[in-house]
């Protein structure tokens, strides 16, 4: 399905219009919520990763990011003891982080919960035992913080969240565009 959507996005908009008319993203979310089918969740994450990596039409991209759909996929309770699910999830998050821009950043901020799920979910794996996961998480965090409008939103989310013990300390000096992230060993 991902390949068809990407082809439609790039060659025939009516293919993507069909996807919109049938509201198939809701079907994706229903599949994600099925119990006991890790293979389906892996395929869904892989499909979404392919879509977000290759979609070029801005309105198509906005559709996938709208209605809090993307945050629902990010915050879904996956079984991360399954290493394949974890790998697909982290890869998906990393792909999303590369799609961040001043025009897409608002799709990733949940105003109702004052949370930035792409950041708050990624940071949970900051000290993961697998080095590839840690590297991907650091890439995600750096991609998030390089977008100008996100800095205040993430800082506000970290200070107002119901979980203020998130062990990430964010330092930003407005004189230098560099971001310095350190991990606080004691929550």
N, C-alpha and C. Protein backbone atom coordinates (compact mmCIF):
# COMPACT_ATOMS: atom_id res chain seq x y z
N UNK A 1 0.82 -1.18 0.00
CA UNK A 1 0.00 0.00 0.00
C UNK A 1 0.87 1.26 0.00
N UNK A 2 1.97 1.23 0.74
CA UNK A 2 2.84 2.41 0.83
C UNK A 2 3.37 2.79 -0.54
N UNK A 3 3.80 1.78 -1.29
CA UNK A 3 4.37 2.06 -2.61
C UNK A 3 3.33 2.68 -3.53
N UNK A 4 2.08 2.20 -3.44
CA UNK A 4 1.01 2.75 -4.27
C UNK A 4 0.73 4.20 -3.90
N UNK A 5 0.69 4.48 -2.60
CA UNK A 5 0.45 5.86 -2.15
C UNK A 5 1.57 6.79 -2.58
N UNK A 6 2.79 6.34 -2.45
CA UNK A 6 3.93 7.18 -2.85
C UNK A 6 3.89 7.42 -4.36
N UNK A 7 3.61 6.36 -5.12
CA UNK A 7 3.51 6.52 -6.57
C UNK A 7 2.39 7.50 -6.91
N UNK A 8 1.23 7.34 -6.26
CA UNK A 8 0.11 8.24 -6.51
C UNK A 8 0.45 9.67 -6.14
N UNK A 9 1.15 9.84 -5.04
CA UNK A 9 1.56 11.19 -4.61
C UNK A 9 2.42 11.85 -5.67
N UNK A 10 3.27 11.08 -6.31
CA UNK A 10 4.23 11.64 -7.26
C UNK A 10 3.75 11.62 -8.71
N UNK A 11 2.75 10.76 -9.02
CA UNK A 11 2.37 10.60 -10.42
C UNK A 11 0.89 10.78 -10.73
N UNK A 12 0.02 10.43 -9.79
CA UNK A 12 -1.42 10.47 -10.07
C UNK A 12 -2.17 10.82 -8.79
N UNK A 13 -2.51 12.08 -8.60
CA UNK A 13 -3.16 12.52 -7.36
C UNK A 13 -4.47 11.80 -7.05
N UNK A 14 -5.13 11.23 -8.07
CA UNK A 14 -6.41 10.55 -7.81
C UNK A 14 -6.21 9.32 -6.92
N UNK A 15 -5.04 8.71 -6.97
CA UNK A 15 -4.75 7.57 -6.09
C UNK A 15 -4.77 8.02 -4.64
N UNK A 16 -4.11 9.12 -4.37
CA UNK A 16 -4.09 9.64 -3.00
C UNK A 16 -5.47 10.15 -2.60
N UNK A 17 -6.21 10.74 -3.54
CA UNK A 17 -7.57 11.19 -3.25
C UNK A 17 -8.45 10.02 -2.82
N UNK A 18 -8.27 8.86 -3.45
CA UNK A 18 -9.03 7.67 -3.06
C UNK A 18 -8.71 7.31 -1.61
N UNK A 19 -7.44 7.36 -1.26
CA UNK A 19 -7.01 7.09 0.12
C UNK A 19 -7.72 8.05 1.08
N UNK A 20 -7.80 9.32 0.70
CA UNK A 20 -8.47 10.32 1.54
C UNK A 20 -9.96 10.06 1.63
N UNK A 21 -10.59 9.78 0.48
CA UNK A 21 -12.04 9.55 0.45
C UNK A 21 -12.45 8.38 1.33
N UNK A 22 -11.64 7.35 1.35
CA UNK A 22 -11.95 6.16 2.14
C UNK A 22 -11.45 6.28 3.58
N UNK A 23 -10.80 7.39 3.88
CA UNK A 23 -10.28 7.65 5.24
C UNK A 23 -9.47 6.45 5.75
N UNK A 24 -8.54 6.01 4.92
CA UNK A 24 -7.79 4.80 5.23
C UNK A 24 -6.80 4.97 6.38
N UNK A 25 -6.46 6.19 6.73
CA UNK A 25 -5.55 6.36 7.87
C UNK A 25 -6.22 5.90 9.15
N UNK A 26 -7.54 6.07 9.23
CA UNK A 26 -8.28 5.58 10.40
C UNK A 26 -8.17 4.06 10.46
N UNK A 27 -8.22 3.40 9.29
CA UNK A 27 -8.02 1.95 9.25
C UNK A 27 -6.63 1.58 9.76
N UNK A 28 -5.62 2.36 9.39
CA UNK A 28 -4.27 2.13 9.91
C UNK A 28 -4.28 2.15 11.43
N UNK A 29 -4.96 3.14 11.99
CA UNK A 29 -5.00 3.27 13.45
C UNK A 29 -5.75 2.10 14.09
N UNK A 30 -6.82 1.64 13.44
CA UNK A 30 -7.56 0.47 13.95
C UNK A 30 -6.67 -0.77 13.93
N UNK A 31 -5.91 -0.94 12.86
CA UNK A 31 -4.99 -2.08 12.78
C UNK A 31 -3.93 -1.99 13.88
N UNK A 32 -3.48 -0.80 14.14
CA UNK A 32 -2.47 -0.59 15.17
C UNK A 32 -3.00 -1.00 16.54
N UNK A 33 -4.28 -0.81 16.77
CA UNK A 33 -4.88 -1.11 18.07
C UNK A 33 -5.31 -2.57 18.24
N UNK A 34 -5.13 -3.38 17.20
CA UNK A 34 -5.46 -4.80 17.33
C UNK A 34 -4.51 -5.46 18.32
N UNK A 35 -5.03 -6.33 19.12
CA UNK A 35 -4.22 -7.02 20.14
C UNK A 35 -3.61 -8.30 19.55
N UNK A 36 -2.40 -8.61 20.00
CA UNK A 36 -1.77 -9.88 19.68
C UNK A 36 -1.31 -10.06 18.25
N UNK A 37 -1.07 -8.99 17.53
CA UNK A 37 -0.60 -9.12 16.15
C UNK A 37 0.63 -8.23 15.92
N UNK A 38 1.76 -8.59 16.49
CA UNK A 38 2.95 -7.75 16.34
C UNK A 38 3.40 -7.60 14.89
N UNK A 39 3.17 -8.64 14.08
CA UNK A 39 3.59 -8.56 12.68
C UNK A 39 2.84 -7.43 11.96
N UNK A 40 1.55 -7.27 12.26
CA UNK A 40 0.76 -6.21 11.63
C UNK A 40 1.30 -4.85 12.05
N UNK A 41 1.66 -4.71 13.31
CA UNK A 41 2.21 -3.43 13.80
C UNK A 41 3.55 -3.12 13.13
N UNK A 42 4.36 -4.16 12.96
CA UNK A 42 5.65 -3.95 12.27
C UNK A 42 5.42 -3.50 10.83
N UNK A 43 4.47 -4.17 10.15
CA UNK A 43 4.18 -3.81 8.76
C UNK A 43 3.62 -2.40 8.66
N UNK A 44 2.78 -2.03 9.62
CA UNK A 44 2.21 -0.69 9.62
C UNK A 44 3.29 0.37 9.83
N UNK A 45 4.19 0.13 10.78
CA UNK A 45 5.28 1.08 11.01
C UNK A 45 6.19 1.18 9.79
N UNK A 46 6.45 0.04 9.16
CA UNK A 46 7.27 0.04 7.95
C UNK A 46 6.56 0.81 6.82
N UNK A 47 5.27 0.58 6.68
CA UNK A 47 4.48 1.27 5.65
C UNK A 47 4.50 2.78 5.87
N UNK A 48 4.26 3.20 7.10
CA UNK A 48 4.28 4.64 7.41
C UNK A 48 5.66 5.24 7.21
N UNK A 49 6.68 4.47 7.54
CA UNK A 49 8.05 4.95 7.34
C UNK A 49 8.32 5.20 5.85
N UNK A 50 7.90 4.27 5.01
CA UNK A 50 8.07 4.43 3.56
C UNK A 50 7.31 5.65 3.06
N UNK A 51 6.09 5.81 3.54
CA UNK A 51 5.27 6.95 3.12
C UNK A 51 5.94 8.26 3.51
N UNK A 52 6.34 8.39 4.77
CA UNK A 52 6.92 9.66 5.23
C UNK A 52 8.29 9.92 4.62
N UNK A 53 8.99 8.89 4.28
CA UNK A 53 10.30 9.07 3.64
C UNK A 53 10.16 9.59 2.21
N UNK A 54 9.09 9.20 1.53
CA UNK A 54 9.00 9.44 0.10
C UNK A 54 7.92 10.40 -0.37
N UNK A 55 7.00 10.74 0.47
CA UNK A 55 5.90 11.61 0.04
C UNK A 55 6.44 13.01 -0.24
N UNK A 56 6.01 13.61 -1.33
CA UNK A 56 6.53 14.91 -1.75
C UNK A 56 5.48 16.01 -1.72
N UNK A 57 4.24 15.66 -2.00
CA UNK A 57 3.17 16.64 -2.04
C UNK A 57 2.89 17.14 -0.63
N UNK A 58 2.97 18.45 -0.46
CA UNK A 58 2.82 19.03 0.88
C UNK A 58 1.43 18.77 1.47
N UNK A 59 0.39 18.83 0.66
CA UNK A 59 -0.96 18.59 1.19
C UNK A 59 -1.12 17.13 1.62
N UNK A 60 -0.48 16.21 0.92
CA UNK A 60 -0.51 14.80 1.33
C UNK A 60 0.20 14.62 2.67
N UNK A 61 1.33 15.26 2.80
CA UNK A 61 2.08 15.20 4.05
C UNK A 61 1.26 15.77 5.20
N UNK A 62 0.60 16.90 4.95
CA UNK A 62 -0.22 17.52 5.99
C UNK A 62 -1.38 16.62 6.39
N UNK A 63 -1.95 15.90 5.42
CA UNK A 63 -3.04 14.99 5.76
C UNK A 63 -2.57 13.94 6.76
N UNK A 64 -1.43 13.35 6.49
CA UNK A 64 -0.92 12.30 7.38
C UNK A 64 -0.59 12.83 8.77
N UNK A 65 -0.24 14.09 8.83
CA UNK A 65 0.14 14.67 10.12
C UNK A 65 -1.05 15.29 10.85
N UNK A 66 -2.17 15.47 10.17
CA UNK A 66 -3.30 16.18 10.77
C UNK A 66 -4.13 15.29 11.69
N UNK A 67 -5.09 15.91 12.34
CA UNK A 67 -6.04 15.23 13.22
C UNK A 67 -5.38 14.41 14.32
N UNK A 68 -4.18 14.76 14.66
CA UNK A 68 -3.43 14.09 15.71
C UNK A 68 -3.14 12.62 15.38
N UNK A 69 -3.34 12.23 14.11
CA UNK A 69 -3.09 10.85 13.70
C UNK A 69 -1.66 10.44 14.02
N UNK A 70 -0.74 11.30 13.64
CA UNK A 70 0.67 10.95 13.79
C UNK A 70 1.06 10.81 15.25
N UNK A 71 0.50 11.68 16.10
CA UNK A 71 0.79 11.56 17.53
C UNK A 71 0.18 10.30 18.12
N UNK A 72 -0.96 9.85 17.56
CA UNK A 72 -1.54 8.58 18.01
C UNK A 72 -0.62 7.41 17.68
N UNK A 73 0.00 7.45 16.52
CA UNK A 73 0.94 6.39 16.15
C UNK A 73 2.18 6.46 17.04
N UNK A 74 2.66 7.66 17.30
CA UNK A 74 3.85 7.83 18.13
C UNK A 74 3.62 7.36 19.56
N UNK A 75 2.46 7.68 20.13
CA UNK A 75 2.22 7.38 21.55
C UNK A 75 1.55 6.04 21.79
N UNK A 76 1.28 5.30 20.73
CA UNK A 76 0.69 3.97 20.90
C UNK A 76 1.57 3.12 21.82
N UNK A 77 0.96 2.26 22.60
CA UNK A 77 1.70 1.39 23.53
C UNK A 77 2.15 0.12 22.79
N UNK A 78 3.36 0.15 22.28
CA UNK A 78 3.93 -0.98 21.57
C UNK A 78 4.60 -1.93 22.56
N UNK A 79 4.81 -3.15 22.12
CA UNK A 79 5.56 -4.11 22.92
C UNK A 79 7.03 -3.98 22.52
N UNK A 80 7.75 -3.14 23.24
CA UNK A 80 9.14 -2.89 22.89
C UNK A 80 10.08 -4.01 23.32
N UNK A 81 9.55 -5.03 23.98
CA UNK A 81 10.39 -6.20 24.25
C UNK A 81 10.63 -6.96 22.94
N UNK A 82 9.78 -6.71 21.94
CA UNK A 82 9.98 -7.25 20.61
C UNK A 82 10.96 -6.32 19.89
N UNK A 83 12.18 -6.79 19.69
CA UNK A 83 13.24 -5.95 19.13
C UNK A 83 12.92 -5.44 17.72
N UNK A 84 12.16 -6.23 16.96
CA UNK A 84 11.81 -5.79 15.60
C UNK A 84 10.85 -4.61 15.65
N UNK A 85 9.88 -4.67 16.56
CA UNK A 85 8.95 -3.54 16.70
C UNK A 85 9.73 -2.30 17.13
N UNK A 86 10.63 -2.46 18.08
CA UNK A 86 11.44 -1.33 18.53
C UNK A 86 12.24 -0.74 17.37
N UNK A 87 12.84 -1.59 16.56
CA UNK A 87 13.65 -1.12 15.42
C UNK A 87 12.79 -0.34 14.42
N UNK A 88 11.62 -0.88 14.08
CA UNK A 88 10.73 -0.17 13.15
C UNK A 88 10.23 1.14 13.75
N UNK A 89 9.92 1.13 15.04
CA UNK A 89 9.41 2.32 15.72
C UNK A 89 10.47 3.43 15.73
N UNK A 90 11.68 3.09 16.13
CA UNK A 90 12.75 4.09 16.18
C UNK A 90 13.07 4.61 14.78
N UNK A 91 13.07 3.73 13.81
CA UNK A 91 13.31 4.15 12.42
C UNK A 91 12.21 5.11 11.95
N UNK A 92 10.97 4.80 12.29
CA UNK A 92 9.84 5.66 11.94
C UNK A 92 9.98 7.03 12.60
N UNK A 93 10.32 7.04 13.88
CA UNK A 93 10.49 8.31 14.60
C UNK A 93 11.61 9.14 13.97
N UNK A 94 12.67 8.48 13.61
CA UNK A 94 13.81 9.18 12.99
C UNK A 94 13.39 9.79 11.65
N UNK A 95 12.64 9.03 10.86
CA UNK A 95 12.14 9.55 9.59
C UNK A 95 11.26 10.77 9.82
N UNK A 96 10.38 10.69 10.82
CA UNK A 96 9.52 11.84 11.14
C UNK A 96 10.36 13.06 11.51
N UNK A 97 11.41 12.83 12.26
CA UNK A 97 12.23 13.96 12.71
C UNK A 97 12.88 14.68 11.54
N UNK A 98 13.15 13.96 10.47
CA UNK A 98 13.72 14.60 9.27
C UNK A 98 12.66 15.40 8.50
N UNK A 99 11.38 15.17 8.77
CA UNK A 99 10.31 15.90 8.11
C UNK A 99 9.89 17.15 8.88
N UNK A 100 10.53 17.40 10.01
CA UNK A 100 10.20 18.58 10.81
C UNK A 100 10.66 19.85 10.11
N UNK A 101 9.80 20.84 10.17
CA UNK A 101 10.11 22.16 9.63
C UNK A 101 9.21 23.16 10.36
N UNK A 102 9.46 24.44 10.19
CA UNK A 102 8.56 25.41 10.83
C UNK A 102 7.09 25.23 10.43
N UNK A 103 6.84 24.72 9.21
CA UNK A 103 5.45 24.54 8.77
C UNK A 103 4.82 23.23 9.26
N UNK A 104 5.62 22.25 9.66
CA UNK A 104 5.05 20.97 10.12
C UNK A 104 5.13 20.78 11.63
N UNK A 105 5.86 21.62 12.30
CA UNK A 105 6.13 21.43 13.72
C UNK A 105 4.86 21.40 14.57
N UNK A 106 3.87 22.20 14.19
CA UNK A 106 2.64 22.27 14.99
C UNK A 106 1.87 20.95 15.00
N UNK A 107 2.06 20.11 13.98
CA UNK A 107 1.39 18.81 13.95
C UNK A 107 1.90 17.87 15.04
N UNK A 108 3.09 18.13 15.52
CA UNK A 108 3.70 17.24 16.50
C UNK A 108 3.52 17.70 17.94
N UNK A 109 2.94 18.85 18.11
CA UNK A 109 2.73 19.37 19.46
C UNK A 109 1.27 19.16 19.84
N UNK A 110 1.03 18.48 20.93
CA UNK A 110 -0.31 18.22 21.42
C UNK A 110 -0.66 19.29 22.44
N UNK A 111 -1.42 20.29 22.01
CA UNK A 111 -1.73 21.42 22.89
C UNK A 111 -2.59 21.01 24.08
N UNK A 112 -3.50 20.06 23.87
CA UNK A 112 -4.39 19.64 24.96
C UNK A 112 -3.62 19.04 26.12
N UNK A 113 -2.59 18.30 25.81
CA UNK A 113 -1.78 17.68 26.87
C UNK A 113 -0.48 18.43 27.11
N UNK A 114 -0.27 19.51 26.37
CA UNK A 114 0.98 20.27 26.44
C UNK A 114 2.17 19.31 26.38
N UNK A 115 2.19 18.54 25.33
CA UNK A 115 3.22 17.52 25.15
C UNK A 115 3.72 17.57 23.71
N UNK A 116 4.94 17.16 23.53
CA UNK A 116 5.55 17.05 22.22
C UNK A 116 5.95 15.58 22.07
N UNK A 117 5.00 14.71 21.65
CA UNK A 117 5.23 13.26 21.67
C UNK A 117 6.46 12.77 20.93
N UNK A 118 6.81 13.40 19.82
CA UNK A 118 8.00 12.94 19.10
C UNK A 118 9.22 13.02 20.01
N UNK A 119 9.28 14.07 20.80
CA UNK A 119 10.39 14.23 21.74
C UNK A 119 10.20 13.36 22.98
N UNK A 120 9.04 13.47 23.62
CA UNK A 120 8.84 12.79 24.91
C UNK A 120 8.90 11.27 24.78
N UNK A 121 8.49 10.74 23.63
CA UNK A 121 8.58 9.28 23.44
C UNK A 121 10.00 8.87 23.05
N UNK A 122 10.65 9.66 22.22
CA UNK A 122 12.02 9.31 21.80
C UNK A 122 12.98 9.33 22.98
N UNK A 123 12.83 10.32 23.84
CA UNK A 123 13.79 10.50 24.94
C UNK A 123 13.75 9.33 25.92
N UNK A 124 12.68 8.57 25.90
CA UNK A 124 12.58 7.39 26.78
C UNK A 124 13.66 6.35 26.44
N UNK A 125 14.18 6.43 25.23
CA UNK A 125 15.19 5.47 24.77
C UNK A 125 16.59 6.08 24.74
N UNK A 126 16.76 7.22 25.40
CA UNK A 126 18.03 7.95 25.39
C UNK A 126 19.19 7.09 25.87
N UNK A 127 18.95 6.26 26.86
CA UNK A 127 20.00 5.39 27.42
C UNK A 127 19.76 3.92 27.12
N UNK A 128 19.16 3.63 25.99
CA UNK A 128 18.86 2.24 25.64
C UNK A 128 20.14 1.43 25.52
N UNK A 129 20.04 0.13 25.78
CA UNK A 129 21.23 -0.73 25.75
C UNK A 129 21.83 -0.88 24.35
N UNK A 130 21.00 -0.75 23.31
CA UNK A 130 21.48 -0.88 21.94
C UNK A 130 22.03 0.46 21.44
N UNK A 131 23.26 0.46 20.98
CA UNK A 131 23.88 1.71 20.54
C UNK A 131 23.16 2.32 19.34
N UNK A 132 22.62 1.49 18.44
CA UNK A 132 21.92 2.03 17.27
C UNK A 132 20.66 2.79 17.69
N UNK A 133 20.00 2.31 18.73
CA UNK A 133 18.81 3.00 19.24
C UNK A 133 19.22 4.33 19.85
N UNK A 134 20.27 4.31 20.65
CA UNK A 134 20.76 5.56 21.28
C UNK A 134 21.15 6.59 20.22
N UNK A 135 21.84 6.15 19.19
CA UNK A 135 22.27 7.06 18.12
C UNK A 135 21.05 7.64 17.41
N UNK A 136 20.08 6.80 17.11
CA UNK A 136 18.86 7.28 16.44
C UNK A 136 18.12 8.29 17.31
N UNK A 137 18.04 8.02 18.61
CA UNK A 137 17.35 8.94 19.52
C UNK A 137 18.07 10.29 19.55
N UNK A 138 19.37 10.28 19.58
CA UNK A 138 20.11 11.53 19.59
C UNK A 138 19.90 12.30 18.28
N UNK A 139 19.80 11.58 17.18
CA UNK A 139 19.51 12.21 15.89
C UNK A 139 18.12 12.83 15.92
N UNK A 140 17.16 12.11 16.45
CA UNK A 140 15.79 12.62 16.57
C UNK A 140 15.77 13.91 17.38
N UNK A 141 16.41 13.88 18.54
CA UNK A 141 16.42 15.04 19.43
C UNK A 141 17.09 16.23 18.74
N UNK A 142 18.20 16.01 18.09
CA UNK A 142 18.88 17.11 17.40
C UNK A 142 18.05 17.65 16.25
N UNK A 143 17.38 16.76 15.51
CA UNK A 143 16.50 17.23 14.43
C UNK A 143 15.34 18.05 14.97
N UNK A 144 14.83 17.67 16.13
CA UNK A 144 13.74 18.43 16.75
C UNK A 144 14.23 19.82 17.12
N UNK A 145 15.36 19.89 17.81
CA UNK A 145 15.82 21.17 18.32
C UNK A 145 16.43 22.09 17.27
N UNK A 146 16.67 21.58 16.07
CA UNK A 146 17.18 22.48 15.04
C UNK A 146 16.06 23.30 14.40
N UNK A 147 14.81 22.94 14.66
CA UNK A 147 13.68 23.71 14.15
C UNK A 147 13.40 24.85 15.12
N UNK A 148 13.48 26.04 14.62
CA UNK A 148 13.41 27.25 15.46
C UNK A 148 12.20 27.29 16.38
N UNK A 149 11.01 27.03 15.88
CA UNK A 149 9.79 27.20 16.67
C UNK A 149 9.60 26.13 17.74
N UNK A 150 10.36 25.07 17.71
CA UNK A 150 10.10 23.96 18.62
C UNK A 150 10.69 24.17 20.01
N UNK A 151 11.71 24.95 20.12
CA UNK A 151 12.43 25.06 21.40
C UNK A 151 11.52 25.43 22.55
N UNK A 152 10.74 26.46 22.39
CA UNK A 152 9.86 26.91 23.48
C UNK A 152 8.78 25.88 23.76
N UNK A 153 8.23 25.25 22.72
CA UNK A 153 7.18 24.26 22.91
C UNK A 153 7.67 23.07 23.71
N UNK A 154 8.84 22.55 23.36
CA UNK A 154 9.36 21.39 24.07
C UNK A 154 9.70 21.75 25.51
N UNK A 155 10.33 22.89 25.71
CA UNK A 155 10.66 23.30 27.08
C UNK A 155 9.40 23.47 27.91
N UNK A 156 8.36 24.08 27.34
CA UNK A 156 7.11 24.24 28.06
C UNK A 156 6.49 22.87 28.35
N UNK A 157 6.53 21.97 27.38
CA UNK A 157 5.98 20.63 27.58
C UNK A 157 6.71 19.91 28.70
N UNK A 158 8.02 20.07 28.76
CA UNK A 158 8.80 19.40 29.81
C UNK A 158 8.51 19.97 31.19
N UNK A 159 8.23 21.25 31.27
CA UNK A 159 8.00 21.85 32.59
C UNK A 159 6.56 21.73 33.04
N UNK A 160 5.61 21.52 32.12
CA UNK A 160 4.21 21.44 32.51
C UNK A 160 3.65 20.03 32.45
N UNK A 161 4.41 19.10 31.96
CA UNK A 161 3.92 17.74 31.84
C UNK A 161 3.66 17.13 33.21
N UNK A 162 2.83 16.11 33.22
CA UNK A 162 2.55 15.44 34.48
C UNK A 162 3.74 14.58 34.92
N UNK A 163 4.74 14.51 34.07
CA UNK A 163 5.94 13.74 34.40
C UNK A 163 7.16 14.65 34.36
N UNK A 164 7.28 15.56 35.32
CA UNK A 164 8.39 16.51 35.28
C UNK A 164 9.74 15.86 35.57
N UNK A 165 9.74 14.56 35.86
CA UNK A 165 10.99 13.88 36.18
C UNK A 165 11.74 13.40 34.95
N UNK A 166 11.29 13.77 33.74
CA UNK A 166 12.00 13.34 32.53
C UNK A 166 13.45 13.80 32.67
N UNK A 167 14.39 12.85 32.60
CA UNK A 167 15.78 13.18 32.94
C UNK A 167 16.58 13.84 31.82
N UNK A 168 15.97 14.71 31.09
CA UNK A 168 16.70 15.41 30.04
C UNK A 168 16.77 16.88 30.40
N UNK A 169 17.95 17.40 30.38
CA UNK A 169 18.15 18.81 30.67
C UNK A 169 18.51 19.49 29.36
N UNK A 170 17.81 20.56 29.06
CA UNK A 170 17.99 21.26 27.80
C UNK A 170 18.60 22.62 28.07
N UNK A 171 19.72 22.88 27.46
CA UNK A 171 20.38 24.18 27.59
C UNK A 171 20.45 24.81 26.21
N UNK A 172 20.01 26.02 26.09
CA UNK A 172 20.10 26.69 24.81
C UNK A 172 20.59 28.11 25.04
N UNK A 173 21.63 28.48 24.35
CA UNK A 173 22.16 29.83 24.44
C UNK A 173 21.78 30.55 23.16
N UNK A 174 21.01 31.62 23.28
CA UNK A 174 20.52 32.30 22.08
C UNK A 174 21.63 32.93 21.26
N UNK A 175 22.80 33.10 21.83
CA UNK A 175 23.91 33.65 21.06
C UNK A 175 24.55 32.62 20.14
N UNK A 176 24.30 31.35 20.43
CA UNK A 176 24.87 30.28 19.63
C UNK A 176 23.76 29.33 19.22
N UNK A 177 23.69 28.97 17.95
CA UNK A 177 22.61 28.10 17.51
C UNK A 177 22.79 26.64 17.94
N UNK A 178 23.89 26.34 18.58
CA UNK A 178 24.14 24.95 18.98
C UNK A 178 23.22 24.55 20.12
N UNK A 179 22.91 23.31 20.16
CA UNK A 179 22.07 22.76 21.22
C UNK A 179 22.93 21.82 22.05
N UNK A 180 22.86 21.96 23.35
CA UNK A 180 23.62 21.09 24.23
C UNK A 180 22.64 20.29 25.07
N UNK A 181 22.58 19.00 24.83
CA UNK A 181 21.70 18.13 25.60
C UNK A 181 22.56 17.26 26.50
N UNK A 182 22.21 17.23 27.77
CA UNK A 182 22.91 16.36 28.70
C UNK A 182 21.88 15.54 29.43
N UNK A 183 22.29 14.45 29.96
CA UNK A 183 21.38 13.59 30.68
C UNK A 183 21.64 13.71 32.16
N UNK A 184 20.60 13.98 32.90
CA UNK A 184 20.67 14.07 34.35
C UNK A 184 20.54 12.66 34.90
N UNK A 185 21.54 12.13 35.58
CA UNK A 185 21.47 10.75 36.04
C UNK A 185 20.44 10.52 37.14
N UNK A 186 20.02 11.56 37.82
CA UNK A 186 19.03 11.41 38.89
C UNK A 186 17.77 12.16 38.52
N UNK A 187 16.64 11.44 38.34
CA UNK A 187 15.39 12.11 37.99
C UNK A 187 14.90 13.02 39.09
